[in-house]
């Protein structure tokens, strides 16, 4: 009922349908274009073994091969979209990390300045406290005399 397509016909049809799909380099394109008909012939071989073992028929038609090509193109587009979304998400994360690192650097610099100011104010306060304690001692001495 269905005559199997020869490998060369599968290869030719696959090459025609995949010409508009971006597959990267020519070496990658050649490997993919030769794998698709190979995989389809392997499915035909397994269908024959299945028929011999299970006595049930599984039909693969030219339409099945065209559906395989369409499925490959659809999955490739979907996976590329997923990969691009992941790349964008990682780039955004890296940008946020850079911004956070810059913010931490600014905060550290501000903290250093604040600590220096606080240290200076503490020194001034200690100086004032020494003066006040000396004056208090003088007042206490004079109060005791009075």
Protein backbone atom coordinates (compact mmCIF):
# COMPACT_ATOMS: atom_id res chain seq x y z
CA UNK A 1 0.00 0.00 0.00
CA UNK A 2 2.69 2.55 1.02
CA UNK A 3 6.01 2.34 -0.75
CA UNK A 4 8.96 3.56 1.33
CA UNK A 5 10.77 6.60 0.03
CA UNK A 6 14.39 6.08 -0.93
CA UNK A 7 16.95 7.81 1.28
CA UNK A 8 17.93 10.20 -1.54
CA UNK A 9 14.32 11.37 -1.94
CA UNK A 10 14.00 11.91 1.82
CA UNK A 11 17.28 13.81 1.81
CA UNK A 12 16.20 16.00 -1.10
CA UNK A 13 12.81 16.83 0.44
CA UNK A 14 14.39 17.45 3.84
CA UNK A 15 16.99 19.75 2.32
CA UNK A 16 14.28 21.69 0.49
CA UNK A 17 12.12 22.14 3.58
CA UNK A 18 15.07 23.04 5.84
CA UNK A 19 16.64 25.62 3.51
CA UNK A 20 14.77 28.50 5.20
CA UNK A 21 15.63 27.33 8.73
CA UNK A 22 18.71 28.91 10.28
CA UNK A 23 20.90 26.00 11.38
CA UNK A 24 24.20 27.74 11.98
CA UNK A 25 27.24 26.73 9.98
CA UNK A 26 27.14 24.68 6.80
CA UNK A 27 28.73 21.74 8.62
CA UNK A 28 25.89 21.71 11.16
CA UNK A 29 23.34 22.09 8.37
CA UNK A 30 24.81 19.12 6.49
CA UNK A 31 24.72 16.91 9.59
CA UNK A 32 21.12 17.81 10.41
CA UNK A 33 19.98 17.44 6.83
CA UNK A 34 21.50 13.97 6.66
CA UNK A 35 20.23 12.94 10.12
CA UNK A 36 16.55 13.64 9.45
CA UNK A 37 16.19 11.11 6.60
CA UNK A 38 18.40 8.66 8.54
CA UNK A 39 16.10 8.88 11.55
CA UNK A 40 13.04 8.39 9.38
CA UNK A 41 14.52 5.27 7.77
CA UNK A 42 15.38 3.97 11.25
CA UNK A 43 11.75 4.46 12.28
CA UNK A 44 10.69 2.48 9.19
CA UNK A 45 13.09 -0.31 10.13
CA UNK A 46 11.76 -0.39 13.70
CA UNK A 47 8.18 -0.42 12.36
CA UNK A 48 9.05 -3.50 10.31
CA UNK A 49 10.58 -5.21 13.37
CA UNK A 50 7.52 -4.25 15.40
CA UNK A 51 5.28 -5.81 12.73
CA UNK A 52 7.32 -9.02 12.80
CA UNK A 53 7.36 -9.29 16.61
CA UNK A 54 3.93 -7.94 17.56
CA UNK A 55 2.10 -8.65 14.27
CA UNK A 56 0.78 -5.10 14.27
CA UNK A 57 1.28 -2.57 11.52
CA UNK A 58 2.70 0.90 12.03
CA UNK A 59 2.56 3.02 8.93
CA UNK A 60 4.97 5.79 8.08
CA UNK A 61 4.00 7.88 5.13
CA UNK A 62 5.51 10.78 3.21
CA UNK A 63 3.23 12.98 5.31
CA UNK A 64 4.90 11.53 8.43
CA UNK A 65 8.27 12.72 7.15
CA UNK A 66 6.88 16.18 6.40
CA UNK A 67 5.42 16.28 9.92
CA UNK A 68 8.85 15.31 11.29
CA UNK A 69 10.40 18.26 9.45
CA UNK A 70 7.69 20.60 10.73
CA UNK A 71 8.09 19.29 14.29
CA UNK A 72 11.87 19.78 14.12
CA UNK A 73 11.45 23.37 12.93
CA UNK A 74 8.85 24.11 15.62
CA UNK A 75 10.93 22.58 18.41
CA UNK A 76 14.06 24.37 17.22
CA UNK A 77 12.25 27.72 17.28
CA UNK A 78 10.84 26.98 20.74
CA UNK A 79 14.21 25.95 22.17
CA UNK A 80 15.90 29.00 20.67
CA UNK A 81 13.28 31.22 22.27
CA UNK A 82 13.84 29.49 25.61
CA UNK A 83 17.61 29.89 25.26
CA UNK A 84 17.28 33.58 24.35
CA UNK A 85 14.98 34.16 27.33
CA UNK A 86 17.50 32.43 29.61
CA UNK A 87 20.33 34.54 28.17
CA UNK A 88 18.31 37.70 28.71
CA UNK A 89 17.46 36.66 32.28
CA UNK A 90 21.13 35.95 33.02
CA UNK A 91 22.22 39.26 31.48
CA UNK A 92 19.66 41.09 33.61
CA UNK A 93 20.89 39.24 36.70
CA UNK A 94 24.49 40.15 35.93
CA UNK A 95 23.51 43.79 35.45
CA UNK A 96 21.74 43.77 38.83
CA UNK A 97 24.85 42.23 40.43
CA UNK A 98 27.02 44.98 38.91
CA UNK A 99 24.64 47.68 40.14
CA UNK A 100 24.62 46.11 43.59
CA UNK A 101 28.42 45.97 43.66
CA UNK A 102 28.58 49.66 42.74
CA UNK A 103 26.02 50.50 45.44
CA UNK A 104 28.03 48.52 48.01
CA UNK A 105 31.19 50.40 47.00
CA UNK A 106 29.41 53.75 47.42
CA UNK A 107 27.96 52.69 50.77
CA UNK A 108 31.40 51.54 51.96
CA UNK A 109 32.90 54.90 50.97
CA UNK A 110 30.06 56.77 52.74
CA UNK A 111 30.50 54.56 55.79
CA UNK A 112 34.23 55.26 55.86
CA UNK A 113 33.57 59.01 55.76
CA UNK A 114 30.88 58.69 58.45
CA UNK A 115 33.21 56.65 60.67
CA UNK A 116 35.94 59.27 60.29
CA UNK A 117 33.44 62.02 61.18
CA UNK A 118 32.19 60.00 64.14
CA UNK A 119 35.75 59.40 65.31
CA UNK A 120 36.47 63.13 65.05
CA UNK A 121 33.26 64.01 66.94
CA UNK A 122 34.15 61.43 69.61
CA UNK A 123 37.58 63.01 70.02
CA UNK A 124 35.97 66.45 70.34
CA UNK A 125 33.42 65.09 72.83
CA UNK A 126 36.17 63.46 74.88
CA UNK A 127 38.05 66.77 74.89
CA UNK A 128 34.93 68.61 76.05
CA UNK A 129 34.31 65.90 78.67
CA UNK A 130 37.89 66.37 79.98
CA UNK A 131 37.38 70.14 80.18
CA UNK A 132 34.01 69.71 81.92
CA UNK A 133 35.41 67.19 84.40
CA UNK A 134 38.31 69.55 85.23
CA UNK A 135 35.91 72.46 85.66
CA UNK A 136 33.61 70.26 87.77
CA UNK A 137 36.55 69.32 89.98
CA UNK A 138 37.40 73.02 90.38
CA UNK A 139 33.76 73.83 91.21
CA UNK A 140 33.60 71.00 93.75
CA UNK A 141 36.82 72.22 95.38
CA UNK A 142 35.48 75.78 95.56
CA UNK A 143 32.12 74.56 96.82
CA UNK A 144 33.87 72.60 99.54
CA UNK A 145 35.80 75.73 100.57
CA UNK A 146 32.66 77.75 100.76
